C-alpha atoms as a PDB file:
ATOM      1  CA  UNK A   1      87.728 -80.455  37.905  1.00  0.00           C
ATOM      2  CA  UNK A   2      84.210 -81.285  39.043  1.00  0.00           C
ATOM      3  CA  UNK A   3      83.504 -77.677  39.961  1.00  0.00           C
ATOM      4  CA  UNK A   4      84.836 -76.417  36.653  1.00  0.00           C
ATOM      5  CA  UNK A   5      82.375 -78.694  34.875  1.00  0.00           C
ATOM      6  CA  UNK A   6      79.579 -77.470  37.136  1.00  0.00           C
ATOM      7  CA  UNK A   7      80.262 -73.802  36.382  1.00  0.00           C
ATOM      8  CA  UNK A   8      80.707 -74.568  32.690  1.00  0.00           C
ATOM      9  CA  UNK A   9      77.267 -76.168  32.501  1.00  0.00           C
ATOM     10  CA  UNK A  10      75.729 -73.389  34.605  1.00  0.00           C
ATOM     11  CA  UNK A  11      77.152 -70.748  32.290  1.00  0.00           C
ATOM     12  CA  UNK A  12      75.957 -72.524  29.140  1.00  0.00           C
ATOM     13  CA  UNK A  13      72.471 -73.092  30.555  1.00  0.00           C
ATOM     14  CA  UNK A  14      72.171 -69.537  31.852  1.00  0.00           C
ATOM     15  CA  UNK A  15      73.399 -68.080  28.568  1.00  0.00           C
ATOM     16  CA  UNK A  16      70.525 -69.782  26.741  1.00  0.00           C
ATOM     17  CA  UNK A  17      68.081 -68.565  29.367  1.00  0.00           C
ATOM     18  CA  UNK A  18      69.480 -65.027  29.174  1.00  0.00           C
ATOM     19  CA  UNK A  19      69.063 -64.914  25.401  1.00  0.00           C
ATOM     20  CA  UNK A  20      65.464 -66.060  25.719  1.00  0.00           C
ATOM     21  CA  UNK A  21      64.657 -63.638  28.554  1.00  0.00           C
ATOM     22  CA  UNK A  22      66.312 -60.705  26.802  1.00  0.00           C
ATOM     23  CA  UNK A  23      64.050 -61.134  23.789  1.00  0.00           C
ATOM     24  CA  UNK A  24      60.984 -61.337  26.022  1.00  0.00           C
ATOM     25  CA  UNK A  25      62.112 -58.255  27.966  1.00  0.00           C
ATOM     26  CA  UNK A  26      62.447 -56.253  24.767  1.00  0.00           C
ATOM     27  CA  UNK A  27      58.962 -57.359  23.674  1.00  0.00           C
ATOM     28  CA  UNK A  28      57.513 -56.294  27.018  1.00  0.00           C
ATOM     29  CA  UNK A  29      59.081 -52.860  26.703  1.00  0.00           C
ATOM     30  CA  UNK A  30      61.563 -53.046  29.567  1.00  0.00           C
ATOM     31  CA  UNK A  31      63.480 -49.763  29.748  1.00  0.00           C
ATOM     32  CA  UNK A  32      66.859 -49.376  28.079  1.00  0.00           C
ATOM     33  CA  UNK A  33      68.666 -48.739  31.357  1.00  0.00           C
ATOM     34  CA  UNK A  34      67.647 -52.137  32.737  1.00  0.00           C
ATOM     35  CA  UNK A  35      68.425 -53.869  29.453  1.00  0.00           C
ATOM     36  CA  UNK A  36      71.818 -52.154  29.485  1.00  0.00           C
ATOM     37  CA  UNK A  37      72.596 -53.359  32.999  1.00  0.00           C
ATOM     38  CA  UNK A  38      71.704 -56.928  32.031  1.00  0.00           C
ATOM     39  CA  UNK A  39      73.740 -56.665  28.827  1.00  0.00           C
ATOM     40  CA  UNK A  40      76.724 -55.359  30.799  1.00  0.00           C
ATOM     41  CA  UNK A  41      76.600 -58.402  33.113  1.00  0.00           C
ATOM     42  CA  UNK A  42      76.288 -60.661  30.070  1.00  0.00           C
ATOM     43  CA  UNK A  43      79.292 -58.993  28.422  1.00  0.00           C
ATOM     44  CA  UNK A  44      81.331 -59.406  31.594  1.00  0.00           C
ATOM     45  CA  UNK A  45      80.354 -63.082  31.751  1.00  0.00           C
ATOM     46  CA  UNK A  46      81.407 -63.517  28.126  1.00  0.00           C
ATOM     47  CA  UNK A  47      84.761 -61.883  28.823  1.00  0.00           C
ATOM     48  CA  UNK A  48      85.433 -64.272  31.716  1.00  0.00           C
ATOM     49  CA  UNK A  49      84.419 -67.228  29.561  1.00  0.00           C
ATOM     50  CA  UNK A  50      86.795 -66.084  26.821  1.00  0.00           C
ATOM     51  CA  UNK A  51      89.541 -65.810  29.449  1.00  0.00           C
ATOM     52  CA  UNK A  52      88.884 -69.424  30.428  1.00  0.00           C
ATOM     53  CA  UNK A  53      89.696 -70.393  26.853  1.00  0.00           C
ATOM     54  CA  UNK A  54      93.127 -68.772  26.805  1.00  0.00           C
ATOM     55  CA  UNK A  55      94.760 -72.176  27.454  1.00  0.00           C
ATOM     56  CA  UNK A  56      92.859 -73.894  24.668  1.00  0.00           C
ATOM     57  CA  UNK A  57      89.430 -75.527  24.605  1.00  0.00           C
ATOM     58  CA  UNK A  58      87.668 -74.936  27.900  1.00  0.00           C
ATOM     59  CA  UNK A  59      86.423 -78.501  28.252  1.00  0.00           C
ATOM     60  CA  UNK A  60      89.915 -79.920  27.760  1.00  0.00           C
ATOM     61  CA  UNK A  61      91.348 -77.678  30.500  1.00  0.00           C
ATOM     62  CA  UNK A  62      88.953 -78.167  33.411  1.00  0.00           C
ATOM     63  CA  UNK A  63      91.868 -79.268  35.599  1.00  0.00           C
ATOM     64  CA  UNK A  64      93.546 -75.827  35.446  1.00  0.00           C
ATOM     65  CA  UNK A  65      92.761 -73.704  38.468  1.00  0.00           C
ATOM     66  CA  UNK A  66      92.639 -70.490  36.429  1.00  0.00           C
ATOM     67  CA  UNK A  67      89.942 -71.981  34.205  1.00  0.00           C
ATOM     68  CA  UNK A  68      87.903 -72.741  37.319  1.00  0.00           C
ATOM     69  CA  UNK A  69      88.097 -69.134  38.522  1.00  0.00           C
ATOM     70  CA  UNK A  70      87.119 -67.722  35.136  1.00  0.00           C
ATOM     71  CA  UNK A  71      84.243 -70.173  34.697  1.00  0.00           C
ATOM     72  CA  UNK A  72      82.989 -69.387  38.173  1.00  0.00           C
ATOM     73  CA  UNK A  73      82.971 -65.664  37.494  1.00  0.00           C
ATOM     74  CA  UNK A  74      81.339 -66.184  34.094  1.00  0.00           C
ATOM     75  CA  UNK A  75      78.544 -68.229  35.665  1.00  0.00           C
ATOM     76  CA  UNK A  76      77.992 -65.716  38.471  1.00  0.00           C
ATOM     77  CA  UNK A  77      77.780 -62.721  36.131  1.00  0.00           C
ATOM     78  CA  UNK A  78      75.455 -64.603  33.793  1.00  0.00           C
ATOM     79  CA  UNK A  79      73.188 -65.404  36.733  1.00  0.00           C
ATOM     80  CA  UNK A  80      73.160 -61.700  37.679  1.00  0.00           C
ATOM     81  CA  UNK A  81      72.107 -60.786  34.142  1.00  0.00           C
ATOM     82  CA  UNK A  82      69.197 -63.214  34.369  1.00  0.00           C
ATOM     83  CA  UNK A  83      68.191 -61.893  37.789  1.00  0.00           C
ATOM     84  CA  UNK A  84      68.094 -58.321  36.480  1.00  0.00           C
ATOM     85  CA  UNK A  85      65.785 -59.325  33.625  1.00  0.00           C
ATOM     86  CA  UNK A  86      63.572 -61.502  35.819  1.00  0.00           C
ATOM     87  CA  UNK A  87      63.165 -58.741  38.399  1.00  0.00           C
ATOM     88  CA  UNK A  88      62.336 -56.199  35.710  1.00  0.00           C
ATOM     89  CA  UNK A  89      59.719 -58.436  34.126  1.00  0.00           C
ATOM     90  CA  UNK A  90      58.195 -59.321  37.506  1.00  0.00           C
ATOM     91  CA  UNK A  91      57.598 -55.626  38.182  1.00  0.00           C
ATOM     92  CA  UNK A  92      55.560 -55.244  34.981  1.00  0.00           C
END
């Protein structure tokens, strides 16, 4: 249950950061291919997060093992999306 909460908070925090970074990346003129790769990771993260909600509200179901797996994957993919954008903006 503790790890589910950890990945839930990581995902939520990283989603906010991704949205902020994506806007900055567009302003800086990052190429569409890179933006597409980041968006694909974000979409995958969103799909895993939606899967975590198949048993009801995510927060109410932290004890379910399947929710843990989905939250973990959502957080990892969201972190990859951020890394792609950060790397692209560091190169500029």
